[in-house]
C-alpha atoms as a PDB file:
ATOM      1  CA  MET A   1     131.512  71.600 115.508  1.00  0.00           C
ATOM      2  CA  GLU A   2     134.788  72.375 117.254  1.00  0.00           C
ATOM      3  CA  ASN A   3     136.505  69.505 115.656  1.00  0.00           C
ATOM      4  CA  LYS A   4     135.744  71.035 112.147  1.00  0.00           C
ATOM      5  CA  LEU A   5     137.079  74.348 113.299  1.00  0.00           C
ATOM      6  CA  ASP A   6     140.393  72.560 114.472  1.00  0.00           C
ATOM      7  CA  TYR A   7     140.482  71.035 111.061  1.00  0.00           C
ATOM      8  CA  HIS A   8     140.110  74.341 109.402  1.00  0.00           C
ATOM      9  CA  ILE A   9     143.095  75.790 111.427  1.00  0.00           C
ATOM     10  CA  TRP A  10     145.185  72.637 110.973  1.00  0.00           C
ATOM     11  CA  ALA A  11     144.573  72.670 107.098  1.00  0.00           C
ATOM     12  CA  THR A  12     145.263  76.500 106.799  1.00  0.00           C
ATOM     13  CA  ASN A  13     148.543  75.917 108.813  1.00  0.00           C
ATOM     14  CA  LYS A  14     149.565  72.950 106.802  1.00  0.00           C
ATOM     15  CA  LEU A  15     149.100  74.884 103.582  1.00  0.00           C
ATOM     16  CA  LEU A  16     151.064  77.959 104.956  1.00  0.00           C
ATOM     17  CA  SER A  17     153.856  75.684 106.159  1.00  0.00           C
ATOM     18  CA  TYR A  18     154.170  74.204 102.757  1.00  0.00           C
ATOM     19  CA  LEU A  19     154.098  77.589 100.962  1.00  0.00           C
ATOM     20  CA  ARG A  20     157.119  78.646 103.150  1.00  0.00           C
ATOM     21  CA  SER A  21     159.152  75.769 101.652  1.00  0.00           C
ATOM     22  CA  LEU A  22     158.424  77.151  97.981  1.00  0.00           C
ATOM     23  CA  PRO A  23     160.271  80.061  96.396  1.00  0.00           C
ATOM     24  CA  GLU A  24     158.917  83.286  97.740  1.00  0.00           C
ATOM     25  CA  GLU A  25     158.054  84.772  94.313  1.00  0.00           C
ATOM     26  CA  ILE A  26     155.395  82.130  93.980  1.00  0.00           C
ATOM     27  CA  PHE A  27     153.455  83.867  96.696  1.00  0.00           C
ATOM     28  CA  HIS A  28     152.899  87.092  94.688  1.00  0.00           C
ATOM     29  CA  LYS A  29     153.181  85.648  91.002  1.00  0.00           C
ATOM     30  CA  GLY A  30     150.290  86.796  88.993  1.00  0.00           C
ATOM     31  CA  LEU A  31     148.030  84.257  87.183  1.00  0.00           C
ATOM     32  CA  GLN A  32     144.548  83.557  85.777  1.00  0.00           C
ATOM     33  CA  SER A  33     142.465  82.130  88.442  1.00  0.00           C
ATOM     34  CA  VAL A  34     139.705  82.914  91.025  1.00  0.00           C
ATOM     35  CA  PHE A  35     142.099  85.484  92.520  1.00  0.00           C
ATOM     36  CA  PRO A  36     145.274  87.152  90.805  1.00  0.00           C
ATOM     37  CA  SER A  37     147.686  85.510  93.200  1.00  0.00           C
ATOM     38  CA  VAL A  38     148.287  83.038  96.011  1.00  0.00           C
ATOM     39  CA  GLU A  39     148.689  85.973  98.165  1.00  0.00           C
ATOM     40  CA  ARG A  40     145.355  87.616  97.261  1.00  0.00           C
ATOM     41  CA  THR A  41     143.541  84.253  97.838  1.00  0.00           C
ATOM     42  CA  LEU A  42     144.994  83.856 101.386  1.00  0.00           C
ATOM     43  CA  TYR A  43     144.325  87.516 102.093  1.00  0.00           C
ATOM     44  CA  HIS A  44     140.595  86.871 101.159  1.00  0.00           C
ATOM     45  CA  LEU A  45     140.561  83.689 103.312  1.00  0.00           C
ATOM     46  CA  TYR A  46     142.141  85.617 106.251  1.00  0.00           C
ATOM     47  CA  GLU A  47     139.789  88.583 105.840  1.00  0.00           C
ATOM     48  CA  VAL A  48     136.659  86.297 105.639  1.00  0.00           C
ATOM     49  CA  ASP A  49     137.764  84.221 108.788  1.00  0.00           C
ATOM     50  CA  ALA A  50     138.189  87.564 110.734  1.00  0.00           C
ATOM     51  CA  LEU A  51     134.848  88.814 109.424  1.00  0.00           C
ATOM     52  CA  TRP A  52     132.823  85.754 110.521  1.00  0.00           C
ATOM     53  CA  PHE A  53     134.802  85.255 113.707  1.00  0.00           C
ATOM     54  CA  SER A  54     133.935  88.927 114.652  1.00  0.00           C
ATOM     55  CA  ARG A  55     130.185  88.121 113.953  1.00  0.00           C
ATOM     56  CA  LEU A  56     130.398  85.121 116.153  1.00  0.00           C
ATOM     57  CA  LYS A  57     131.849  87.280 118.994  1.00  0.00           C
ATOM     58  CA  GLN A  58     129.266  89.845 118.048  1.00  0.00           C
ATOM     59  CA  GLN A  59     132.081  92.567 117.810  1.00  0.00           C
ATOM     60  CA  GLU A  60     133.115  94.991 115.055  1.00  0.00           C
ATOM     61  CA  ILE A  61     135.691  93.497 112.479  1.00  0.00           C
ATOM     62  CA  LEU A  62     139.095  94.772 112.836  1.00  0.00           C
ATOM     63  CA  VAL A  63     141.617  93.765 110.072  1.00  0.00           C
ATOM     64  CA  GLU A  64     144.844  95.539 110.504  1.00  0.00           C
ATOM     65  CA  VAL A  65     146.377  94.603 107.237  1.00  0.00           C
ATOM     66  CA  ASP A  66     145.265  94.893 103.498  1.00  0.00           C
ATOM     67  CA  THR A  67     148.156  92.749 101.903  1.00  0.00           C
ATOM     68  CA  PHE A  68     150.655  90.313 102.912  1.00  0.00           C
ATOM     69  CA  SER A  69     154.265  91.005 102.206  1.00  0.00           C
ATOM     70  CA  SER A  70     155.505  87.314 102.685  1.00  0.00           C
ATOM     71  CA  VAL A  71     154.334  83.823 103.517  1.00  0.00           C
ATOM     72  CA  SER A  72     155.839  84.415 106.934  1.00  0.00           C
ATOM     73  CA  GLU A  73     153.817  87.647 107.614  1.00  0.00           C
ATOM     74  CA  CYS A  74     150.766  85.796 106.325  1.00  0.00           C
ATOM     75  CA  LEU A  75     151.419  82.992 108.828  1.00  0.00           C
ATOM     76  CA  THR A  76     151.791  85.324 111.756  1.00  0.00           C
ATOM     77  CA  TYR A  77     148.437  86.941 110.991  1.00  0.00           C
ATOM     78  CA  PHE A  78     146.657  83.524 110.610  1.00  0.00           C
ATOM     79  CA  GLN A  79     148.231  82.212 113.764  1.00  0.00           C
ATOM     80  CA  THR A  80     147.130  85.067 115.892  1.00  0.00           C
ATOM     81  CA  LEU A  81     143.550  84.880 114.580  1.00  0.00           C
ATOM     82  CA  HIS A  82     143.374  81.029 114.710  1.00  0.00           C
ATOM     83  CA  THR A  83     144.682  81.072 118.235  1.00  0.00           C
ATOM     84  CA  GLU A  84     141.957  83.356 119.334  1.00  0.00           C
ATOM     85  CA  MET A  85     139.493  81.151 117.424  1.00  0.00           C
ATOM     86  CA  ALA A  86     140.773  77.899 118.957  1.00  0.00           C
ATOM     87  CA  ASN A  87     140.499  79.483 122.417  1.00  0.00           C
ATOM     88  CA  TRP A  88     136.837  80.797 121.766  1.00  0.00           C
ATOM     89  CA  LYS A  89     134.196  79.122 123.862  1.00  0.00           C
ATOM     90  CA  TYR A  90     131.644  77.646 121.430  1.00  0.00           C
ATOM     91  CA  ARG A  91     127.983  78.552 122.350  1.00  0.00           C
ATOM     92  CA  ASP A  92     125.074  77.400 120.411  1.00  0.00           C
ATOM     93  CA  ASN A  93     123.432  80.776 119.594  1.00  0.00           C
ATOM     94  CA  THR A  94     121.608  82.482 116.958  1.00  0.00           C
ATOM     95  CA  ILE A  95     123.758  85.421 115.656  1.00  0.00           C
ATOM     96  CA  SER A  96     122.180  88.599 114.277  1.00  0.00           C
ATOM     97  CA  TYR A  97     124.470  90.641 111.965  1.00  0.00           C
ATOM     98  CA  LYS A  98     124.514  92.790 108.853  1.00  0.00           C
ATOM     99  CA  THR A  99     125.997  91.552 105.587  1.00  0.00           C
ATOM    100  CA  SER A 100     128.766  93.644 103.700  1.00  0.00           C
ATOM    101  CA  ILE A 101     125.761  95.357 101.817  1.00  0.00           C
ATOM    102  CA  GLY A 102     123.960  96.070 104.978  1.00  0.00           C
ATOM    103  CA  ASP A 103     121.259  93.378 104.949  1.00  0.00           C
ATOM    104  CA  ALA A 104     120.172  92.152 108.244  1.00  0.00           C
ATOM    105  CA  CYS A 105     120.551  88.381 108.748  1.00  0.00           C
ATOM    106  CA  GLN A 106     120.583  85.686 111.283  1.00  0.00           C
ATOM    107  CA  ASN A 107     122.495  82.328 111.411  1.00  0.00           C
ATOM    108  CA  THR A 108     123.243  79.817 114.195  1.00  0.00           C
ATOM    109  CA  THR A 109     126.674  79.478 115.515  1.00  0.00           C
ATOM    110  CA  GLU A 110     126.889  76.051 113.781  1.00  0.00           C
ATOM    111  CA  GLU A 111     125.892  77.383 110.456  1.00  0.00           C
ATOM    112  CA  ILE A 112     128.554  80.239 110.612  1.00  0.00           C
ATOM    113  CA  LEU A 113     131.210  77.536 111.764  1.00  0.00           C
ATOM    114  CA  TYR A 114     130.268  75.382 108.884  1.00  0.00           C
ATOM    115  CA  HIS A 115     130.543  78.283 106.416  1.00  0.00           C
ATOM    116  CA  ILE A 116     133.900  79.160 107.848  1.00  0.00           C
ATOM    117  CA  VAL A 117     135.320  75.637 107.281  1.00  0.00           C
ATOM    118  CA  ASN A 118     133.578  75.150 103.878  1.00  0.00           C
ATOM    119  CA  HIS A 119     134.963  78.499 102.751  1.00  0.00           C
ATOM    120  CA  GLY A 120     138.495  77.774 103.721  1.00  0.00           C
ATOM    121  CA  THR A 121     138.288  74.264 101.979  1.00  0.00           C
ATOM    122  CA  TYR A 122     137.261  75.892  98.775  1.00  0.00           C
ATOM    123  CA  HIS A 123     139.959  78.492  98.736  1.00  0.00           C
ATOM    124  CA  ARG A 124     142.818  76.021  99.786  1.00  0.00           C
ATOM    125  CA  GLY A 125     141.507  74.029  96.816  1.00  0.00           C
ATOM    126  CA  ASN A 126     141.971  77.135  94.709  1.00  0.00           C
ATOM    127  CA  ILE A 127     145.508  77.602  95.903  1.00  0.00           C
ATOM    128  CA  THR A 128     146.416  74.030  95.128  1.00  0.00           C
ATOM    129  CA  ALA A 129     145.206  74.663  91.551  1.00  0.00           C
ATOM    130  CA  MET A 130     147.215  77.805  91.380  1.00  0.00           C
ATOM    131  CA  LEU A 131     150.323  76.086  92.533  1.00  0.00           C
ATOM    132  CA  TRP A 132     150.134  73.510  89.717  1.00  0.00           C
ATOM    133  CA  GLN A 133     149.565  76.399  87.289  1.00  0.00           C
ATOM    134  CA  LEU A 134     152.820  77.912  88.749  1.00  0.00           C
ATOM    135  CA  GLY A 135     154.751  74.587  88.108  1.00  0.00           C
ATOM    136  CA  GLU A 136     154.705  73.476  91.712  1.00  0.00           C
ATOM    137  CA  LYS A 137     152.998  70.600  93.332  1.00  0.00           C
ATOM    138  CA  GLY A 138     149.941  70.915  95.535  1.00  0.00           C
ATOM    139  CA  MET A 139     149.403  69.310  98.790  1.00  0.00           C
ATOM    140  CA  SER A 140     146.377  67.626 100.201  1.00  0.00           C
ATOM    141  CA  THR A 141     144.584  69.053 103.379  1.00  0.00           C
ATOM    142  CA  ASP A 142     141.597  66.586 103.051  1.00  0.00           C
ATOM    143  CA  TYR A 143     139.650  66.170 106.317  1.00  0.00           C
ATOM    144  CA  ILE A 144     140.637  62.370 106.292  1.00  0.00           C
ATOM    145  CA  TYR A 145     144.305  63.284 106.615  1.00  0.00           C
ATOM    146  CA  TYR A 146     143.564  65.523 109.501  1.00  0.00           C
ATOM    147  CA  LEU A 147     141.681  62.780 111.266  1.00  0.00           C
ATOM    148  CA  ARG A 148     144.531  60.259 110.638  1.00  0.00           C
ATOM    149  CA  GLU A 149     147.133  62.747 111.865  1.00  0.00           C
ATOM    150  CA  LYS A 150     145.106  63.471 114.933  1.00  0.00           C
ATOM    151  CA  ASP A 151     144.641  59.739 115.583  1.00  0.00           C
ATOM    152  CA  THR A 152     148.399  59.266 115.254  1.00  0.00           C
ATOM    153  CA  VAL A 153     149.095  61.970 117.749  1.00  0.00           C
ATOM    154  CA  LYS A 154     146.717  60.362 120.303  1.00  0.00           C
ATOM    155  CA  GLU A 155     148.595  56.936 120.108  1.00  0.00           C
END
């Protein structure tokens, strides 16, 4: 499962690096989509990554920001969170937590990690569609590209 988390971090960084190469106004430009802008989509992804990671650590969530002023600021926040996630020691546990509406739930560590990865894939896809709507090309962060890049680095 750690490989999947590594993929999630890789794919998010790849997308953010690509967004840095685009005109800055793309980040906040309003449009009709799942979220009203690329920034809001990325903020949601960041907040949910932080929420689920805090549950894995069995700690209270602490999100220090409620909006990103730029792609660079967004990248900085994600890098800090994802570095902590990458250094986290995986333990196969059952995690008890309360949902955002206060319901008591339990999931295994593996189930939560799958959710984090799947949720990220979904919203990176949303952002790719948003970029096309804004007249920009999207970029692929498919898992197979991650594996190929990882294999190239090994050689």
